[in-house]
């Protein structure tokens, strides 16, 4: 798949990278003008390392769950990375087993 919601993936990548760079530039300007904001933002990482790790791990776990549901239901969001969903495999297997040649007596399937 080369499109996500009708938008070419290459174009989407460029737009998102430009947006990320702009957000990083704004953040860098804010930190340069007021370093106290940066210290307030990162002070709890050192103080409460286990809590920070737990929050990051739970975010990753939630992302895995959402991705699994997308793949199981064959949502378009996951088709850009997978390209082959379990539903597509089941449909292909079903169509392969349903297309059996006819027997001599006109019936389809095994004898």
N, C-alpha and C. Protein backbone atom coordinates (compact mmCIF):
# COMPACT_ATOMS: atom_id res chain seq x y z
N UNK A 1 0.84 -1.17 0.00
CA UNK A 1 0.00 0.00 0.00
C UNK A 1 0.89 1.24 0.00
N UNK A 2 0.57 2.14 -0.88
CA UNK A 2 1.32 3.38 -0.96
C UNK A 2 0.53 4.57 -0.50
N UNK A 3 -0.68 4.31 0.05
CA UNK A 3 -1.53 5.41 0.50
C UNK A 3 -2.08 5.11 1.88
N UNK A 4 -2.30 6.14 2.65
CA UNK A 4 -2.94 6.05 3.95
C UNK A 4 -4.06 7.08 3.97
N UNK A 5 -5.29 6.61 4.02
CA UNK A 5 -6.47 7.48 3.95
C UNK A 5 -6.46 8.34 2.70
N UNK A 6 -5.99 7.77 1.59
CA UNK A 6 -5.99 8.48 0.32
C UNK A 6 -4.82 9.43 0.11
N UNK A 7 -3.92 9.52 1.08
CA UNK A 7 -2.76 10.41 0.97
C UNK A 7 -1.53 9.56 0.68
N UNK A 8 -0.73 9.91 -0.31
CA UNK A 8 0.49 9.15 -0.57
C UNK A 8 1.41 9.15 0.67
N UNK A 9 1.98 7.99 0.96
CA UNK A 9 2.78 7.85 2.18
C UNK A 9 4.03 8.72 2.14
N UNK A 10 4.62 8.90 0.98
CA UNK A 10 5.80 9.75 0.87
C UNK A 10 5.50 11.20 1.23
N UNK A 11 4.38 11.69 0.73
CA UNK A 11 3.96 13.06 1.06
C UNK A 11 3.66 13.19 2.54
N UNK A 12 2.97 12.20 3.08
CA UNK A 12 2.64 12.21 4.50
C UNK A 12 3.90 12.20 5.36
N UNK A 13 4.89 11.43 4.95
CA UNK A 13 6.15 11.37 5.68
C UNK A 13 6.83 12.73 5.71
N UNK A 14 6.88 13.39 4.58
CA UNK A 14 7.54 14.71 4.50
C UNK A 14 6.80 15.72 5.37
N UNK A 15 5.48 15.74 5.28
CA UNK A 15 4.69 16.69 6.07
C UNK A 15 4.87 16.45 7.57
N UNK A 16 4.85 15.18 7.98
CA UNK A 16 5.02 14.88 9.40
C UNK A 16 6.43 15.20 9.89
N UNK A 17 7.43 14.96 9.06
CA UNK A 17 8.80 15.31 9.45
C UNK A 17 8.99 16.82 9.58
N UNK A 18 8.38 17.57 8.68
CA UNK A 18 8.46 19.03 8.77
C UNK A 18 7.75 19.51 10.03
N UNK A 19 6.60 18.93 10.34
CA UNK A 19 5.88 19.29 11.56
C UNK A 19 6.67 18.95 12.81
N UNK A 20 7.33 17.79 12.81
CA UNK A 20 8.16 17.40 13.95
C UNK A 20 9.34 18.34 14.11
N UNK A 21 9.96 18.72 13.01
CA UNK A 21 11.08 19.66 13.06
C UNK A 21 10.62 21.03 13.58
N UNK A 22 9.43 21.47 13.15
CA UNK A 22 8.91 22.76 13.62
C UNK A 22 8.62 22.72 15.11
N UNK A 23 8.03 21.62 15.58
CA UNK A 23 7.75 21.48 17.01
C UNK A 23 9.05 21.43 17.81
N UNK A 24 10.06 20.74 17.29
CA UNK A 24 11.35 20.71 17.96
C UNK A 24 12.01 22.08 18.01
N UNK A 25 11.86 22.84 16.95
CA UNK A 25 12.44 24.19 16.92
C UNK A 25 11.75 25.10 17.93
N UNK A 26 10.42 25.00 18.01
CA UNK A 26 9.68 25.81 18.99
C UNK A 26 10.09 25.42 20.40
N UNK A 27 10.24 24.12 20.65
CA UNK A 27 10.66 23.65 21.98
C UNK A 27 12.07 24.14 22.30
N UNK A 28 12.96 24.09 21.32
CA UNK A 28 14.33 24.56 21.55
C UNK A 28 14.35 26.06 21.86
N UNK A 29 13.52 26.83 21.18
CA UNK A 29 13.45 28.27 21.45
C UNK A 29 12.92 28.53 22.86
N UNK A 30 11.88 27.78 23.25
CA UNK A 30 11.33 27.95 24.60
C UNK A 30 12.36 27.60 25.67
N UNK A 31 13.12 26.54 25.45
CA UNK A 31 14.13 26.13 26.43
C UNK A 31 15.26 27.16 26.47
N UNK A 32 15.64 27.71 25.33
CA UNK A 32 16.71 28.70 25.30
C UNK A 32 16.29 29.99 26.01
N UNK A 33 15.03 30.35 25.88
CA UNK A 33 14.56 31.58 26.51
C UNK A 33 14.30 31.41 28.01
N UNK A 34 13.87 30.18 28.41
CA UNK A 34 13.54 29.95 29.81
C UNK A 34 13.97 28.53 30.21
N UNK A 35 15.21 28.35 30.64
CA UNK A 35 15.72 27.02 30.96
C UNK A 35 15.02 26.36 32.16
N UNK A 36 14.31 27.15 32.96
CA UNK A 36 13.60 26.57 34.10
C UNK A 36 12.52 25.60 33.60
N UNK A 37 11.90 25.89 32.47
CA UNK A 37 10.89 25.00 31.91
C UNK A 37 11.48 23.62 31.60
N UNK A 38 12.69 23.61 31.05
CA UNK A 38 13.33 22.33 30.74
C UNK A 38 13.65 21.56 32.01
N UNK A 39 14.13 22.26 33.03
CA UNK A 39 14.44 21.58 34.29
C UNK A 39 13.19 21.04 34.95
N UNK A 40 12.09 21.78 34.89
CA UNK A 40 10.83 21.30 35.45
C UNK A 40 10.31 20.08 34.69
N UNK A 41 10.54 20.06 33.40
CA UNK A 41 10.04 18.97 32.58
C UNK A 41 10.76 17.66 32.79
N UNK A 42 12.06 17.72 33.05
CA UNK A 42 12.84 16.48 33.15
C UNK A 42 13.25 16.12 34.57
N UNK A 43 12.86 16.90 35.57
CA UNK A 43 13.34 16.62 36.92
C UNK A 43 12.77 15.32 37.48
N UNK A 44 11.55 14.94 37.11
CA UNK A 44 10.97 13.73 37.67
C UNK A 44 11.50 12.46 37.04
N UNK A 45 12.17 12.57 35.90
CA UNK A 45 12.76 11.39 35.28
C UNK A 45 13.85 10.82 36.19
N UNK A 46 14.67 11.68 36.74
CA UNK A 46 15.72 11.23 37.65
C UNK A 46 15.19 10.86 39.03
N UNK A 47 14.21 11.60 39.50
CA UNK A 47 13.67 11.35 40.84
C UNK A 47 12.83 10.09 40.89
N UNK A 48 12.00 9.90 39.89
CA UNK A 48 11.07 8.76 39.89
C UNK A 48 11.30 7.94 38.62
N UNK A 49 12.41 7.30 38.58
CA UNK A 49 12.77 6.53 37.38
C UNK A 49 11.85 5.36 37.12
N UNK A 50 11.46 4.65 38.19
CA UNK A 50 10.59 3.49 37.99
C UNK A 50 9.21 3.91 37.51
N UNK A 51 8.70 5.02 38.02
CA UNK A 51 7.39 5.50 37.57
C UNK A 51 7.46 5.93 36.10
N UNK A 52 8.54 6.58 35.73
CA UNK A 52 8.70 6.99 34.34
C UNK A 52 8.78 5.77 33.43
N UNK A 53 9.54 4.76 33.84
CA UNK A 53 9.64 3.54 33.04
C UNK A 53 8.30 2.84 32.93
N UNK A 54 7.53 2.83 34.01
CA UNK A 54 6.21 2.20 33.98
C UNK A 54 5.27 2.93 33.01
N UNK A 55 5.31 4.24 33.01
CA UNK A 55 4.46 5.02 32.11
C UNK A 55 4.85 4.78 30.66
N UNK A 56 6.13 4.75 30.38
CA UNK A 56 6.60 4.51 29.01
C UNK A 56 6.23 3.09 28.56
N UNK A 57 6.42 2.12 29.44
CA UNK A 57 6.10 0.73 29.10
C UNK A 57 4.60 0.54 28.87
N UNK A 58 3.77 1.19 29.68
CA UNK A 58 2.33 1.05 29.48
C UNK A 58 1.88 1.72 28.19
N UNK A 59 2.52 2.80 27.81
CA UNK A 59 2.21 3.42 26.53
C UNK A 59 2.57 2.52 25.36
N UNK A 60 3.73 1.85 25.46
CA UNK A 60 4.12 0.91 24.41
C UNK A 60 3.17 -0.28 24.34
N UNK A 61 2.74 -0.76 25.50
CA UNK A 61 1.81 -1.89 25.54
C UNK A 61 0.47 -1.51 24.92
N UNK A 62 -0.02 -0.33 25.21
CA UNK A 62 -1.28 0.13 24.63
C UNK A 62 -1.16 0.24 23.11
N UNK A 63 -0.01 0.69 22.64
CA UNK A 63 0.21 0.80 21.20
C UNK A 63 0.18 -0.58 20.55
N UNK A 64 0.75 -1.58 21.22
CA UNK A 64 0.72 -2.94 20.69
C UNK A 64 -0.70 -3.48 20.61
N UNK A 65 -1.50 -3.18 21.63
CA UNK A 65 -2.88 -3.65 21.63
C UNK A 65 -3.67 -3.03 20.48
N UNK A 66 -3.51 -1.73 20.28
CA UNK A 66 -4.23 -1.05 19.21
C UNK A 66 -3.80 -1.60 17.86
N UNK A 67 -2.51 -1.85 17.69
CA UNK A 67 -2.01 -2.39 16.44
C UNK A 67 -2.55 -3.79 16.19
N UNK A 68 -2.64 -4.61 17.23
CA UNK A 68 -3.17 -5.97 17.09
C UNK A 68 -4.64 -5.94 16.68
N UNK A 69 -5.41 -5.04 17.25
CA UNK A 69 -6.82 -4.93 16.89
C UNK A 69 -6.95 -4.47 15.44
N UNK A 70 -6.12 -3.54 15.02
CA UNK A 70 -6.15 -3.08 13.63
C UNK A 70 -5.87 -4.23 12.68
N UNK A 71 -4.88 -5.03 12.98
CA UNK A 71 -4.53 -6.14 12.10
C UNK A 71 -5.60 -7.20 12.11
N UNK A 72 -6.17 -7.50 13.27
CA UNK A 72 -7.19 -8.54 13.35
C UNK A 72 -8.45 -8.16 12.59
N UNK A 73 -8.75 -6.88 12.56
CA UNK A 73 -9.96 -6.43 11.88
C UNK A 73 -9.68 -5.90 10.49
N UNK A 74 -8.45 -5.99 10.05
CA UNK A 74 -8.04 -5.57 8.70
C UNK A 74 -8.38 -4.11 8.44
N UNK A 75 -8.07 -3.25 9.39
CA UNK A 75 -8.31 -1.82 9.20
C UNK A 75 -7.23 -1.25 8.29
N UNK A 76 -7.54 -0.24 7.50
CA UNK A 76 -6.57 0.29 6.53
C UNK A 76 -5.31 0.85 7.18
N UNK A 77 -5.37 1.23 8.43
CA UNK A 77 -4.22 1.82 9.10
C UNK A 77 -3.05 0.85 9.13
N UNK A 78 -3.31 -0.42 9.30
CA UNK A 78 -2.24 -1.41 9.42
C UNK A 78 -1.78 -1.96 8.08
N UNK A 79 -2.51 -1.74 7.04
CA UNK A 79 -2.15 -2.32 5.76
C UNK A 79 -0.95 -1.64 5.13
N UNK A 80 -0.58 -0.44 5.60
CA UNK A 80 0.61 0.19 5.03
C UNK A 80 1.87 -0.50 5.52
N UNK A 81 1.82 -1.09 6.71
CA UNK A 81 3.01 -1.75 7.23
C UNK A 81 2.98 -3.24 6.94
N UNK A 82 1.84 -3.86 7.12
CA UNK A 82 1.75 -5.30 6.96
C UNK A 82 1.54 -5.66 5.49
N UNK A 83 0.55 -5.05 4.86
CA UNK A 83 0.25 -5.37 3.49
C UNK A 83 -0.47 -6.70 3.33
N UNK A 84 -0.42 -7.54 4.34
CA UNK A 84 -1.07 -8.83 4.29
C UNK A 84 -1.67 -9.09 5.66
N UNK A 85 -2.98 -9.11 5.73
CA UNK A 85 -3.65 -9.25 7.02
C UNK A 85 -4.13 -10.68 7.21
N UNK A 86 -4.41 -11.08 8.43
CA UNK A 86 -4.96 -12.43 8.66
C UNK A 86 -6.28 -12.64 7.93
N UNK A 87 -7.09 -11.59 7.82
CA UNK A 87 -8.36 -11.72 7.10
C UNK A 87 -8.11 -12.00 5.63
N UNK A 88 -7.11 -11.36 5.04
CA UNK A 88 -6.80 -11.60 3.63
C UNK A 88 -6.31 -13.04 3.45
N UNK A 89 -5.55 -13.55 4.40
CA UNK A 89 -5.08 -14.93 4.31
C UNK A 89 -6.24 -15.90 4.40
N UNK A 90 -7.19 -15.61 5.30
CA UNK A 90 -8.36 -16.48 5.43
C UNK A 90 -9.21 -16.45 4.18
N UNK A 91 -9.39 -15.28 3.60
CA UNK A 91 -10.17 -15.16 2.37
C UNK A 91 -9.50 -15.92 1.22
N UNK A 92 -8.19 -15.81 1.14
CA UNK A 92 -7.47 -16.52 0.08
C UNK A 92 -7.58 -18.02 0.25
N UNK A 93 -7.48 -18.49 1.49
CA UNK A 93 -7.61 -19.92 1.76
C UNK A 93 -9.02 -20.40 1.46
N UNK A 94 -10.01 -19.60 1.82
CA UNK A 94 -11.40 -19.98 1.59
C UNK A 94 -11.69 -20.06 0.10
N UNK A 95 -11.21 -19.10 -0.66
CA UNK A 95 -11.48 -19.12 -2.10
C UNK A 95 -10.72 -20.26 -2.78
N UNK A 96 -9.57 -20.63 -2.25
CA UNK A 96 -8.81 -21.73 -2.84
C UNK A 96 -9.51 -23.06 -2.58
N UNK A 97 -10.15 -23.22 -1.43
CA UNK A 97 -10.82 -24.48 -1.13
C UNK A 97 -12.19 -24.55 -1.78
N UNK A 98 -12.80 -23.42 -2.09
CA UNK A 98 -14.13 -23.43 -2.69
C UNK A 98 -14.08 -23.68 -4.19
N UNK A 99 -12.96 -23.42 -4.82
CA UNK A 99 -12.84 -23.60 -6.27
C UNK A 99 -12.34 -25.00 -6.58
N UNK A 100 -13.20 -26.00 -6.36
CA UNK A 100 -12.83 -27.37 -6.68
C UNK A 100 -13.40 -27.77 -8.03
N UNK A 101 -12.72 -28.62 -8.73
CA UNK A 101 -13.24 -29.04 -10.03
C UNK A 101 -14.47 -29.93 -9.86
N UNK A 102 -15.32 -29.92 -10.85
CA UNK A 102 -16.54 -30.73 -10.81
C UNK A 102 -16.21 -32.19 -11.05
N UNK A 103 -16.95 -33.07 -10.37
CA UNK A 103 -16.79 -34.51 -10.58
C UNK A 103 -17.60 -34.94 -11.80
N UNK A 104 -17.53 -36.21 -12.11
CA UNK A 104 -18.25 -36.73 -13.27
C UNK A 104 -19.77 -36.59 -13.12
N UNK A 105 -20.26 -36.68 -11.89
CA UNK A 105 -21.70 -36.64 -11.70
C UNK A 105 -22.23 -35.19 -11.59
N UNK A 106 -21.38 -34.18 -11.80
CA UNK A 106 -21.83 -32.79 -11.79
C UNK A 106 -21.68 -32.10 -10.46
N UNK A 107 -21.38 -32.83 -9.42
CA UNK A 107 -21.21 -32.22 -8.10
C UNK A 107 -19.78 -31.71 -7.95
N UNK A 108 -19.62 -30.74 -7.06
CA UNK A 108 -18.28 -30.24 -6.78
C UNK A 108 -17.82 -30.81 -5.45
N UNK A 109 -16.53 -30.88 -5.26
CA UNK A 109 -15.98 -31.35 -4.00
C UNK A 109 -15.43 -32.75 -4.13
N UNK A 110 -15.10 -33.32 -2.96
CA UNK A 110 -14.50 -34.65 -2.97
C UNK A 110 -15.57 -35.70 -3.09
N UNK A 111 -15.18 -36.93 -3.44
CA UNK A 111 -16.14 -38.01 -3.63
C UNK A 111 -16.52 -38.65 -2.33
